[in-house]
Amino acid sequence: MRNTKEISALLQLVDDPDDEVFNTVAEKILGYGTRIIPNLEHLWETTVDTDTQERIEMLIHRVHYSELQKEFLEWSKSDKPELLRGAILVAKYQFPDMNVPAILTQFDQMRRNIWLELNNYLTPLEQVNILNSILYNYYKLQGHELTEREPKYFFINQVMESKQGNSYSIGILYLALCELLDIPIFAIDLPRQFVFAYLDTLQHFYSLDDTPVQQIQFFVDPLNGMVYTQKDVDVYLKKIKATERELYFKPLDTRRVICKMLEELALCFNYKRDEDKATELQQLINIIEGDTPAQEEEED
């Protein structure tokens, strides 16, 4: 915990009834970044006034959120943003103090367990069956429908701890494992669904923009590992009266996958009438898509 005269003076003004004074104080506090959080937490613990505690909680959140924006910007501007890292950043929105090393350790253990069961003589379907058996039977991952509108199922740390998730949190775990294990599975832009496609070769996997439907062997639902054929998907598209069929089989890159995850999470918060969180998530999407003043400031 940092103890300077300026910080002490700022903290004494947190309960100032003048909004203009408080806003000035808040901006100065934000300038210290995450290093001032221990001071804010100590102030919260020693404060009995609930209104002041709410102000402190808001300040702590703003500090974390400001730092998260910077992390998302750095992630999105990297040449090859890692999918798992993106999911961790999404989870840090709700759990800023989450134990990231523990998640990475668990992820690596999952990867090793699957790798030990794979060999070069397995068919694509056999590969997926092994992956599914370990994830859904051994680790007992349980998927919940997006229609439940539960934010907690979107966070990768919750998947690791409770083994509960949805098609996005479990799906991103699934995709990240496949990437490290050289299994040519990628997400596609199927309407109202988050579904994967298995390509016939890794060469096609690494030239995703040129992937015709004919190179897809089958589809996988990450919610439960269910495998679907092209006919199954065509029936679904016909049922929902979808047009522009070819567009739905185009692969989603890493940034778009995380944006779709954030979009669905924002819908959940809107459903729960938490518009502030939905707005903040949209701002994170804007950062990833390069449509934000924060990026212009960073480049300047």
C-alpha atoms as a PDB file:
ATOM      1  CA  MET A   1       0.000   0.000   0.000  1.00  0.00           C
ATOM      2  CA  ARG A   2       1.416   3.364  -1.055  1.00  0.00           C
ATOM      3  CA  ASN A   3       1.392   6.180   1.478  1.00  0.00           C
ATOM      4  CA  THR A   4       2.071   9.626   0.068  1.00  0.00           C
ATOM      5  CA  LYS A   5       0.749  13.013   1.082  1.00  0.00           C
ATOM      6  CA  GLU A   6      -1.069  13.427  -2.230  1.00  0.00           C
ATOM      7  CA  ILE A   7      -2.786  10.036  -1.995  1.00  0.00           C
ATOM      8  CA  SER A   8      -3.804  10.696   1.600  1.00  0.00           C
ATOM      9  CA  ALA A   9      -5.218  14.069   0.611  1.00  0.00           C
ATOM     10  CA  LEU A  10      -7.148  12.565  -2.291  1.00  0.00           C
ATOM     11  CA  LEU A  11      -8.627   9.794  -0.179  1.00  0.00           C
ATOM     12  CA  GLN A  12      -9.841  12.308   2.389  1.00  0.00           C
ATOM     13  CA  LEU A  13     -11.909  13.948  -0.364  1.00  0.00           C
ATOM     14  CA  VAL A  14     -13.611  10.777  -1.607  1.00  0.00           C
ATOM     15  CA  ASP A  15     -16.682  11.549   0.505  1.00  0.00           C
ATOM     16  CA  ASP A  16     -16.890  15.192  -0.612  1.00  0.00           C
ATOM     17  CA  PRO A  17     -20.557  16.014  -1.375  1.00  0.00           C
ATOM     18  CA  ASP A  18     -19.579  18.330  -4.243  1.00  0.00           C
ATOM     19  CA  ASP A  19     -19.729  16.249  -7.442  1.00  0.00           C
ATOM     20  CA  GLU A  20     -17.267  18.511  -9.225  1.00  0.00           C
ATOM     21  CA  VAL A  21     -14.712  18.034  -6.464  1.00  0.00           C
ATOM     22  CA  PHE A  22     -15.290  14.280  -6.425  1.00  0.00           C
ATOM     23  CA  ASN A  23     -14.911  14.000 -10.209  1.00  0.00           C
ATOM     24  CA  THR A  24     -11.584  15.837 -10.042  1.00  0.00           C
ATOM     25  CA  VAL A  25     -10.436  13.561  -7.225  1.00  0.00           C
ATOM     26  CA  ALA A  26     -11.570  10.483  -9.147  1.00  0.00           C
ATOM     27  CA  GLU A  27      -9.540  11.451 -12.223  1.00  0.00           C
ATOM     28  CA  LYS A  28      -6.417  11.942 -10.125  1.00  0.00           C
ATOM     29  CA  ILE A  29      -6.963   8.597  -8.404  1.00  0.00           C
ATOM     30  CA  LEU A  30      -7.356   6.870 -11.784  1.00  0.00           C
ATOM     31  CA  GLY A  31      -4.005   8.333 -12.792  1.00  0.00           C
ATOM     32  CA  TYR A  32      -2.266   6.158 -10.192  1.00  0.00           C
ATOM     33  CA  GLY A  33      -3.520   2.974 -11.844  1.00  0.00           C
ATOM     34  CA  THR A  34      -3.776  -0.350 -10.023  1.00  0.00           C
ATOM     35  CA  ARG A  35      -1.071   0.568  -7.495  1.00  0.00           C
ATOM     36  CA  ILE A  36      -3.616   2.696  -5.592  1.00  0.00           C
ATOM     37  CA  ILE A  37      -6.135  -0.140  -5.203  1.00  0.00           C
ATOM     38  CA  PRO A  38      -4.732  -1.357  -1.818  1.00  0.00           C
ATOM     39  CA  ASN A  39      -5.236   2.176  -0.485  1.00  0.00           C
ATOM     40  CA  LEU A  40      -8.820   2.233  -1.753  1.00  0.00           C
ATOM     41  CA  GLU A  41      -9.516  -1.194  -0.273  1.00  0.00           C
ATOM     42  CA  HIS A  42      -8.125  -0.098   3.096  1.00  0.00           C
ATOM     43  CA  LEU A  43     -10.277   3.028   2.958  1.00  0.00           C
ATOM     44  CA  TRP A  44     -13.351   0.914   2.199  1.00  0.00           C
ATOM     45  CA  GLU A  45     -12.635  -1.354   5.189  1.00  0.00           C
ATOM     46  CA  THR A  46     -12.320   1.601   7.555  1.00  0.00           C
ATOM     47  CA  THR A  47     -15.363   3.484   6.239  1.00  0.00           C
ATOM     48  CA  VAL A  48     -18.790   3.008   7.813  1.00  0.00           C
ATOM     49  CA  ASP A  49     -20.803   5.258   5.500  1.00  0.00           C
ATOM     50  CA  THR A  50     -22.439   3.103   2.814  1.00  0.00           C
ATOM     51  CA  ASP A  51     -22.606   5.914   0.238  1.00  0.00           C
ATOM     52  CA  THR A  52     -18.869   6.484   0.566  1.00  0.00           C
ATOM     53  CA  GLN A  53     -18.246   2.745   0.305  1.00  0.00           C
ATOM     54  CA  GLU A  54     -20.209   2.698  -2.953  1.00  0.00           C
ATOM     55  CA  ARG A  55     -18.044   5.530  -4.270  1.00  0.00           C
ATOM     56  CA  ILE A  56     -14.914   3.600  -3.337  1.00  0.00           C
ATOM     57  CA  GLU A  57     -16.233   0.449  -5.032  1.00  0.00           C
ATOM     58  CA  MET A  58     -16.938   2.480  -8.152  1.00  0.00           C
ATOM     59  CA  LEU A  59     -13.406   3.911  -8.099  1.00  0.00           C
ATOM     60  CA  ILE A  60     -11.858   0.454  -7.711  1.00  0.00           C
ATOM     61  CA  HIS A  61     -13.909  -0.788 -10.648  1.00  0.00           C
ATOM     62  CA  ARG A  62     -12.913   2.198 -12.786  1.00  0.00           C
ATOM     63  CA  VAL A  63      -9.238   1.595 -12.035  1.00  0.00           C
ATOM     64  CA  HIS A  64      -9.524  -2.084 -12.968  1.00  0.00           C
ATOM     65  CA  TYR A  65     -11.568  -1.297 -16.079  1.00  0.00           C
ATOM     66  CA  SER A  66      -9.088   1.321 -17.267  1.00  0.00           C
ATOM     67  CA  GLU A  67      -6.270  -1.212 -16.921  1.00  0.00           C
ATOM     68  CA  LEU A  68      -8.361  -3.838 -18.718  1.00  0.00           C
ATOM     69  CA  GLN A  69      -8.914  -1.488 -21.651  1.00  0.00           C
ATOM     70  CA  LYS A  70      -5.148  -1.145 -22.023  1.00  0.00           C
ATOM     71  CA  GLU A  71      -4.713  -4.921 -21.897  1.00  0.00           C
ATOM     72  CA  PHE A  72      -7.388  -5.473 -24.546  1.00  0.00           C
ATOM     73  CA  LEU A  73      -5.768  -2.870 -26.783  1.00  0.00           C
ATOM     74  CA  GLU A  74      -2.364  -4.532 -26.448  1.00  0.00           C
ATOM     75  CA  TRP A  75      -3.902  -7.966 -27.084  1.00  0.00           C
ATOM     76  CA  SER A  76      -5.875  -6.884 -30.144  1.00  0.00           C
ATOM     77  CA  LYS A  77      -2.889  -5.115 -31.724  1.00  0.00           C
ATOM     78  CA  SER A  78      -0.601  -8.145 -31.452  1.00  0.00           C
ATOM     79  CA  ASP A  79       0.182 -10.050 -34.651  1.00  0.00           C
ATOM     80  CA  LYS A  80      -1.397 -13.280 -33.425  1.00  0.00           C
ATOM     81  CA  PRO A  81      -3.614 -12.658 -30.393  1.00  0.00           C
ATOM     82  CA  GLU A  82      -4.004 -15.820 -28.323  1.00  0.00           C
ATOM     83  CA  LEU A  83      -7.562 -17.029 -27.899  1.00  0.00           C
ATOM     84  CA  LEU A  84      -7.101 -18.223 -24.319  1.00  0.00           C
ATOM     85  CA  ARG A  85      -5.559 -14.890 -23.358  1.00  0.00           C
ATOM     86  CA  GLY A  86      -8.584 -13.139 -24.851  1.00  0.00           C
ATOM     87  CA  ALA A  87     -10.938 -15.296 -22.771  1.00  0.00           C
ATOM     88  CA  ILE A  88      -8.890 -14.529 -19.655  1.00  0.00           C
ATOM     89  CA  LEU A  89      -9.246 -10.801 -20.340  1.00  0.00           C
ATOM     90  CA  VAL A  90     -13.012 -11.224 -20.681  1.00  0.00           C
ATOM     91  CA  ALA A  91     -13.093 -12.961 -17.295  1.00  0.00           C
ATOM     92  CA  LYS A  92     -10.959 -10.223 -15.734  1.00  0.00           C
ATOM     93  CA  TYR A  93     -13.807  -7.804 -16.386  1.00  0.00           C
ATOM     94  CA  GLN A  94     -15.810  -9.557 -13.667  1.00  0.00           C
ATOM     95  CA  PHE A  95     -12.893 -11.069 -11.721  1.00  0.00           C
ATOM     96  CA  PRO A  96      -9.976  -8.593 -11.905  1.00  0.00           C
ATOM     97  CA  ASP A  97      -8.030 -10.440  -9.191  1.00  0.00           C
ATOM     98  CA  MET A  98      -8.451 -13.913 -10.660  1.00  0.00           C
ATOM     99  CA  ASN A  99      -5.556 -16.376 -10.426  1.00  0.00           C
ATOM    100  CA  VAL A 100      -4.325 -16.441 -14.035  1.00  0.00           C
ATOM    101  CA  PRO A 101      -1.319 -18.768 -13.427  1.00  0.00           C
ATOM    102  CA  ALA A 102      -3.674 -21.374 -11.919  1.00  0.00           C
ATOM    103  CA  ILE A 103      -5.863 -21.247 -15.034  1.00  0.00           C
ATOM    104  CA  LEU A 104      -2.856 -21.668 -17.321  1.00  0.00           C
ATOM    105  CA  THR A 105      -1.625 -24.607 -15.242  1.00  0.00           C
ATOM    106  CA  GLN A 106      -5.010 -26.336 -15.455  1.00  0.00           C
ATOM    107  CA  PHE A 107      -5.180 -25.657 -19.173  1.00  0.00           C
ATOM    108  CA  ASP A 108      -1.740 -27.171 -19.741  1.00  0.00           C
ATOM    109  CA  GLN A 109      -2.735 -30.263 -17.748  1.00  0.00           C
ATOM    110  CA  MET A 110      -5.806 -30.673 -19.943  1.00  0.00           C
ATOM    111  CA  ARG A 111      -3.638 -30.351 -23.039  1.00  0.00           C
ATOM    112  CA  ARG A 112      -1.189 -32.982 -21.778  1.00  0.00           C
ATOM    113  CA  ASN A 113      -3.969 -35.433 -20.902  1.00  0.00           C
ATOM    114  CA  ILE A 114      -5.441 -35.150 -24.390  1.00  0.00           C
ATOM    115  CA  TRP A 115      -2.043 -35.262 -26.114  1.00  0.00           C
ATOM    116  CA  LEU A 116      -1.185 -38.544 -24.384  1.00  0.00           C
ATOM    117  CA  GLU A 117      -4.259 -40.163 -25.966  1.00  0.00           C
ATOM    118  CA  LEU A 118      -3.686 -38.887 -29.509  1.00  0.00           C
ATOM    119  CA  ASN A 119      -1.598 -40.461 -32.257  1.00  0.00           C
ATOM    120  CA  ASN A 120      -1.045 -40.011 -35.995  1.00  0.00           C
ATOM    121  CA  TYR A 121      -3.235 -42.970 -36.940  1.00  0.00           C
ATOM    122  CA  LEU A 122      -6.522 -41.658 -35.618  1.00  0.00           C
ATOM    123  CA  THR A 123      -9.287 -40.526 -37.944  1.00  0.00           C
ATOM    124  CA  PRO A 124     -10.661 -36.987 -37.507  1.00  0.00           C
ATOM    125  CA  LEU A 125     -13.750 -38.350 -35.783  1.00  0.00           C
ATOM    126  CA  GLU A 126     -11.614 -40.477 -33.448  1.00  0.00           C
ATOM    127  CA  GLN A 127      -9.567 -37.388 -32.543  1.00  0.00           C
ATOM    128  CA  VAL A 128     -12.703 -35.453 -31.651  1.00  0.00           C
ATOM    129  CA  ASN A 129     -14.110 -38.399 -29.700  1.00  0.00           C
ATOM    130  CA  ILE A 130     -10.962 -38.490 -27.542  1.00  0.00           C
ATOM    131  CA  LEU A 131     -11.107 -34.745 -27.014  1.00  0.00           C
ATOM    132  CA  ASN A 132     -14.788 -34.940 -26.099  1.00  0.00           C
ATOM    133  CA  SER A 133     -14.316 -37.906 -23.783  1.00  0.00           C
ATOM    134  CA  ILE A 134     -11.633 -36.144 -21.760  1.00  0.00           C
ATOM    135  CA  LEU A 135     -13.399 -32.783 -21.589  1.00  0.00           C
ATOM    136  CA  TYR A 136     -16.991 -33.890 -21.037  1.00  0.00           C
ATOM    137  CA  ASN A 137     -16.527 -37.250 -19.301  1.00  0.00           C
ATOM    138  CA  TYR A 138     -13.206 -37.056 -17.439  1.00  0.00           C
ATOM    139  CA  TYR A 139     -13.340 -33.340 -16.549  1.00  0.00           C
ATOM    140  CA  LYS A 140     -17.156 -33.391 -16.608  1.00  0.00           C
ATOM    141  CA  LEU A 141     -17.574 -30.029 -18.301  1.00  0.00           C
ATOM    142  CA  GLN A 142     -21.244 -29.105 -18.377  1.00  0.00           C
ATOM    143  CA  GLY A 143     -22.639 -26.661 -20.914  1.00  0.00           C
ATOM    144  CA  HIS A 144     -25.526 -24.287 -20.311  1.00  0.00           C
ATOM    145  CA  GLU A 145     -27.629 -22.766 -23.083  1.00  0.00           C
ATOM    146  CA  LEU A 146     -27.093 -19.105 -23.955  1.00  0.00           C
ATOM    147  CA  THR A 147     -30.826 -18.618 -23.484  1.00  0.00           C
ATOM    148  CA  GLU A 148     -30.276 -18.916 -19.719  1.00  0.00           C
ATOM    149  CA  ARG A 149     -28.762 -15.409 -19.901  1.00  0.00           C
ATOM    150  CA  GLU A 150     -26.338 -16.116 -17.056  1.00  0.00           C
ATOM    151  CA  PRO A 151     -23.141 -14.006 -17.178  1.00  0.00           C
ATOM    152  CA  LYS A 152     -21.258 -16.388 -14.861  1.00  0.00           C
ATOM    153  CA  TYR A 153     -21.148 -19.068 -17.557  1.00  0.00           C
ATOM    154  CA  PHE A 154     -19.055 -16.848 -19.852  1.00  0.00           C
ATOM    155  CA  PHE A 155     -15.956 -16.721 -17.666  1.00  0.00           C
ATOM    156  CA  ILE A 156     -13.067 -19.123 -18.233  1.00  0.00           C
ATOM    157  CA  ASN A 157     -12.053 -19.137 -14.544  1.00  0.00           C
ATOM    158  CA  GLN A 158     -15.544 -20.318 -13.632  1.00  0.00           C
ATOM    159  CA  VAL A 159     -15.267 -23.128 -16.178  1.00  0.00           C
ATOM    160  CA  MET A 160     -12.011 -24.259 -14.606  1.00  0.00           C
ATOM    161  CA  GLU A 161     -13.343 -24.033 -11.046  1.00  0.00           C
ATOM    162  CA  SER A 162     -16.936 -25.237 -11.332  1.00  0.00           C
ATOM    163  CA  LYS A 163     -16.751 -27.093 -14.694  1.00  0.00           C
ATOM    164  CA  GLN A 164     -19.843 -25.082 -15.699  1.00  0.00           C
ATOM    165  CA  GLY A 165     -19.893 -22.908 -18.805  1.00  0.00           C
ATOM    166  CA  ASN A 166     -21.635 -22.172 -22.082  1.00  0.00           C
ATOM    167  CA  SER A 167     -20.793 -22.610 -25.746  1.00  0.00           C
ATOM    168  CA  TYR A 168     -18.432 -19.609 -25.667  1.00  0.00           C
ATOM    169  CA  SER A 169     -16.411 -20.271 -22.509  1.00  0.00           C
ATOM    170  CA  ILE A 170     -16.192 -24.024 -23.075  1.00  0.00           C
ATOM    171  CA  GLY A 171     -15.852 -23.455 -26.812  1.00  0.00           C
ATOM    172  CA  ILE A 172     -12.864 -21.146 -26.502  1.00  0.00           C
ATOM    173  CA  LEU A 173     -11.205 -23.674 -24.209  1.00  0.00           C
ATOM    174  CA  TYR A 174     -11.937 -26.313 -26.873  1.00  0.00           C
ATOM    175  CA  LEU A 175     -10.526 -24.171 -29.703  1.00  0.00           C
ATOM    176  CA  ALA A 176      -7.388 -23.239 -27.764  1.00  0.00           C
ATOM    177  CA  LEU A 177      -6.668 -26.910 -27.048  1.00  0.00           C
ATOM    178  CA  CYS A 178      -7.209 -27.863 -30.695  1.00  0.00           C
ATOM    179  CA  GLU A 179      -4.807 -25.167 -31.836  1.00  0.00           C
ATOM    180  CA  LEU A 180      -2.005 -26.456 -29.593  1.00  0.00           C
ATOM    181  CA  LEU A 181      -2.729 -30.072 -30.542  1.00  0.00           C
ATOM    182  CA  ASP A 182      -2.750 -29.352 -34.312  1.00  0.00           C
ATOM    183  CA  ILE A 183      -6.373 -30.414 -34.674  1.00  0.00           C
ATOM    184  CA  PRO A 184      -7.853 -28.404 -37.605  1.00  0.00           C
ATOM    185  CA  ILE A 185     -11.004 -27.144 -35.925  1.00  0.00           C
ATOM    186  CA  PHE A 186     -12.192 -23.546 -36.142  1.00  0.00           C
ATOM    187  CA  ALA A 187     -15.272 -21.495 -35.308  1.00  0.00           C
ATOM    188  CA  ILE A 188     -17.731 -20.566 -38.052  1.00  0.00           C
ATOM    189  CA  ASP A 189     -20.293 -17.784 -38.258  1.00  0.00           C
ATOM    190  CA  LEU A 190     -23.450 -19.877 -38.113  1.00  0.00           C
ATOM    191  CA  PRO A 191     -26.521 -17.756 -37.273  1.00  0.00           C
ATOM    192  CA  ARG A 192     -27.627 -17.917 -33.616  1.00  0.00           C
ATOM    193  CA  GLN A 193     -25.051 -20.620 -32.860  1.00  0.00           C
ATOM    194  CA  PHE A 194     -21.402 -20.922 -31.846  1.00  0.00           C
ATOM    195  CA  VAL A 195     -20.334 -24.024 -33.751  1.00  0.00           C
ATOM    196  CA  PHE A 196     -17.022 -25.451 -34.999  1.00  0.00           C
ATOM    197  CA  ALA A 197     -16.003 -27.057 -38.276  1.00  0.00           C
ATOM    198  CA  TYR A 198     -13.338 -29.738 -38.783  1.00  0.00           C
ATOM    199  CA  LEU A 199     -11.263 -29.243 -41.944  1.00  0.00           C
ATOM    200  CA  ASP A 200      -9.771 -32.094 -43.904  1.00  0.00           C
ATOM    201  CA  THR A 201      -6.152 -30.864 -43.595  1.00  0.00           C
ATOM    202  CA  LEU A 202      -4.099 -28.471 -41.497  1.00  0.00           C
ATOM    203  CA  GLN A 203      -3.079 -26.731 -44.717  1.00  0.00           C
ATOM    204  CA  HIS A 204      -6.672 -25.616 -45.174  1.00  0.00           C
ATOM    205  CA  PHE A 205      -6.774 -24.631 -41.518  1.00  0.00           C
ATOM    206  CA  TYR A 206      -3.937 -22.163 -42.031  1.00  0.00           C
ATOM    207  CA  SER A 207      -5.519 -20.658 -45.174  1.00  0.00           C
ATOM    208  CA  LEU A 208      -8.880 -19.983 -43.604  1.00  0.00           C
ATOM    209  CA  ASP A 209     -10.038 -17.290 -46.009  1.00  0.00           C
ATOM    210  CA  ASP A 210     -10.038 -19.806 -48.871  1.00  0.00           C
ATOM    211  CA  THR A 211     -11.988 -22.546 -47.125  1.00  0.00           C
ATOM    212  CA  PRO A 212     -14.936 -23.804 -49.199  1.00  0.00           C
ATOM    213  CA  VAL A 213     -17.715 -25.840 -47.667  1.00  0.00           C
ATOM    214  CA  GLN A 214     -16.404 -28.958 -49.423  1.00  0.00           C
ATOM    215  CA  GLN A 215     -13.299 -29.001 -47.205  1.00  0.00           C
ATOM    216  CA  ILE A 216     -15.361 -29.302 -44.012  1.00  0.00           C
ATOM    217  CA  GLN A 217     -15.643 -32.886 -42.778  1.00  0.00           C
ATOM    218  CA  PHE A 218     -18.137 -32.339 -39.968  1.00  0.00           C
ATOM    219  CA  PHE A 219     -19.264 -29.878 -37.314  1.00  0.00           C
ATOM    220  CA  VAL A 220     -18.905 -29.873 -33.518  1.00  0.00           C
ATOM    221  CA  ASP A 221     -21.108 -28.212 -30.907  1.00  0.00           C
ATOM    222  CA  PRO A 222     -18.802 -27.161 -28.025  1.00  0.00           C
ATOM    223  CA  LEU A 223     -21.729 -27.076 -25.621  1.00  0.00           C
ATOM    224  CA  ASN A 224     -21.621 -30.872 -25.355  1.00  0.00           C
ATOM    225  CA  GLY A 225     -19.258 -32.169 -28.055  1.00  0.00           C
ATOM    226  CA  MET A 226     -22.106 -33.298 -30.306  1.00  0.00           C
ATOM    227  CA  VAL A 227     -21.013 -33.957 -33.911  1.00  0.00           C
ATOM    228  CA  TYR A 228     -23.174 -32.851 -36.842  1.00  0.00           C
ATOM    229  CA  THR A 229     -23.029 -33.522 -40.572  1.00  0.00           C
ATOM    230  CA  GLN A 230     -23.318 -31.035 -43.403  1.00  0.00           C
ATOM    231  CA  LYS A 231     -26.878 -32.250 -43.930  1.00  0.00           C
ATOM    232  CA  ASP A 232     -27.733 -31.491 -40.295  1.00  0.00           C
ATOM    233  CA  VAL A 233     -26.461 -27.934 -40.665  1.00  0.00           C
ATOM    234  CA  ASP A 234     -28.250 -27.443 -43.991  1.00  0.00           C
ATOM    235  CA  VAL A 235     -31.519 -28.542 -42.387  1.00  0.00           C
ATOM    236  CA  TYR A 236     -30.941 -26.033 -39.588  1.00  0.00           C
ATOM    237  CA  LEU A 237     -30.239 -23.194 -42.034  1.00  0.00           C
ATOM    238  CA  LYS A 238     -33.367 -24.051 -43.988  1.00  0.00           C
ATOM    239  CA  LYS A 239     -35.408 -24.144 -40.790  1.00  0.00           C
ATOM    240  CA  ILE A 240     -34.394 -20.623 -39.780  1.00  0.00           C
ATOM    241  CA  LYS A 241     -34.740 -19.459 -43.409  1.00  0.00           C
ATOM    242  CA  ALA A 242     -31.131 -18.308 -43.558  1.00  0.00           C
ATOM    243  CA  THR A 243     -29.803 -16.733 -46.755  1.00  0.00           C
ATOM    244  CA  GLU A 244     -26.250 -16.252 -48.084  1.00  0.00           C
ATOM    245  CA  ARG A 245     -25.358 -19.797 -47.106  1.00  0.00           C
ATOM    246  CA  GLU A 246     -21.675 -19.641 -48.062  1.00  0.00           C
ATOM    247  CA  LEU A 247     -21.006 -16.781 -45.619  1.00  0.00           C
ATOM    248  CA  TYR A 248     -21.970 -18.930 -42.648  1.00  0.00           C
ATOM    249  CA  PHE A 249     -19.080 -21.334 -43.235  1.00  0.00           C
ATOM    250  CA  LYS A 250     -16.383 -18.690 -43.247  1.00  0.00           C
ATOM    251  CA  PRO A 251     -14.015 -19.053 -40.302  1.00  0.00           C
ATOM    252  CA  LEU A 252     -13.939 -16.546 -37.479  1.00  0.00           C
ATOM    253  CA  ASP A 253     -10.549 -15.167 -36.508  1.00  0.00           C
ATOM    254  CA  THR A 254      -9.503 -14.841 -32.876  1.00  0.00           C
ATOM    255  CA  ARG A 255     -10.546 -11.214 -32.501  1.00  0.00           C
ATOM    256  CA  ARG A 256     -14.011 -11.892 -33.912  1.00  0.00           C
ATOM    257  CA  VAL A 257     -14.522 -14.875 -31.599  1.00  0.00           C
ATOM    258  CA  ILE A 258     -13.801 -12.723 -28.544  1.00  0.00           C
ATOM    259  CA  CYS A 259     -16.017  -9.931 -29.887  1.00  0.00           C
ATOM    260  CA  LYS A 260     -18.914 -12.363 -30.315  1.00  0.00           C
ATOM    261  CA  MET A 261     -18.355 -13.571 -26.763  1.00  0.00           C
ATOM    262  CA  LEU A 262     -18.452  -9.992 -25.463  1.00  0.00           C
ATOM    263  CA  GLU A 263     -21.572  -9.255 -27.524  1.00  0.00           C
ATOM    264  CA  GLU A 264     -23.427 -12.200 -26.002  1.00  0.00           C
ATOM    265  CA  LEU A 265     -22.233 -11.271 -22.510  1.00  0.00           C
ATOM    266  CA  ALA A 266     -23.460  -7.701 -23.042  1.00  0.00           C
ATOM    267  CA  LEU A 267     -26.873  -9.081 -24.027  1.00  0.00           C
ATOM    268  CA  CYS A 268     -27.002 -10.940 -20.707  1.00  0.00           C
ATOM    269  CA  PHE A 269     -26.321  -7.773 -18.735  1.00  0.00           C
ATOM    270  CA  ASN A 270     -28.901  -5.879 -20.783  1.00  0.00           C
ATOM    271  CA  TYR A 271     -31.381  -8.645 -20.017  1.00  0.00           C
ATOM    272  CA  LYS A 272     -30.630  -8.137 -16.316  1.00  0.00           C
ATOM    273  CA  ARG A 273     -31.043  -4.369 -16.785  1.00  0.00           C
ATOM    274  CA  ASP A 274     -27.395  -3.650 -16.025  1.00  0.00           C
ATOM    275  CA  GLU A 275     -26.884  -1.182 -18.862  1.00  0.00           C
ATOM    276  CA  ASP A 276     -23.631   0.207 -17.432  1.00  0.00           C
ATOM    277  CA  LYS A 277     -21.860  -3.138 -17.746  1.00  0.00           C
ATOM    278  CA  ALA A 278     -23.331  -3.710 -21.199  1.00  0.00           C
ATOM    279  CA  THR A 279     -21.977  -0.315 -22.276  1.00  0.00           C
ATOM    280  CA  GLU A 280     -18.513  -1.070 -20.895  1.00  0.00           C
ATOM    281  CA  LEU A 281     -18.434  -4.388 -22.740  1.00  0.00           C
ATOM    282  CA  GLN A 282     -19.370  -2.620 -25.972  1.00  0.00           C
ATOM    283  CA  GLN A 283     -16.459  -0.257 -25.390  1.00  0.00           C
ATOM    284  CA  LEU A 284     -14.143  -3.280 -25.134  1.00  0.00           C
ATOM    285  CA  ILE A 285     -15.549  -4.550 -28.432  1.00  0.00           C
ATOM    286  CA  ASN A 286     -14.820  -1.152 -29.975  1.00  0.00           C
ATOM    287  CA  ILE A 287     -11.226  -1.388 -28.764  1.00  0.00           C
ATOM    288  CA  ILE A 288     -10.777  -4.791 -30.406  1.00  0.00           C
ATOM    289  CA  GLU A 289     -12.351  -3.570 -33.639  1.00  0.00           C
ATOM    290  CA  GLY A 290     -10.161  -0.459 -33.618  1.00  0.00           C
ATOM    291  CA  ASP A 291     -13.080   1.955 -33.234  1.00  0.00           C
ATOM    292  CA  THR A 292     -12.172   3.799 -30.067  1.00  0.00           C
ATOM    293  CA  PRO A 293     -10.529   7.091 -29.022  1.00  0.00           C
ATOM    294  CA  ALA A 294      -8.312   5.091 -26.633  1.00  0.00           C
ATOM    295  CA  GLN A 295      -6.550   3.514 -29.596  1.00  0.00           C
ATOM    296  CA  GLU A 296      -5.945   6.881 -31.235  1.00  0.00           C
ATOM    297  CA  GLU A 297      -4.423   8.189 -28.014  1.00  0.00           C
ATOM    298  CA  GLU A 298      -2.218   5.095 -27.754  1.00  0.00           C
ATOM    299  CA  GLU A 299      -0.964   5.575 -31.302  1.00  0.00           C
ATOM    300  CA  ASP A 300      -0.253   9.263 -30.688  1.00  0.00           C
END
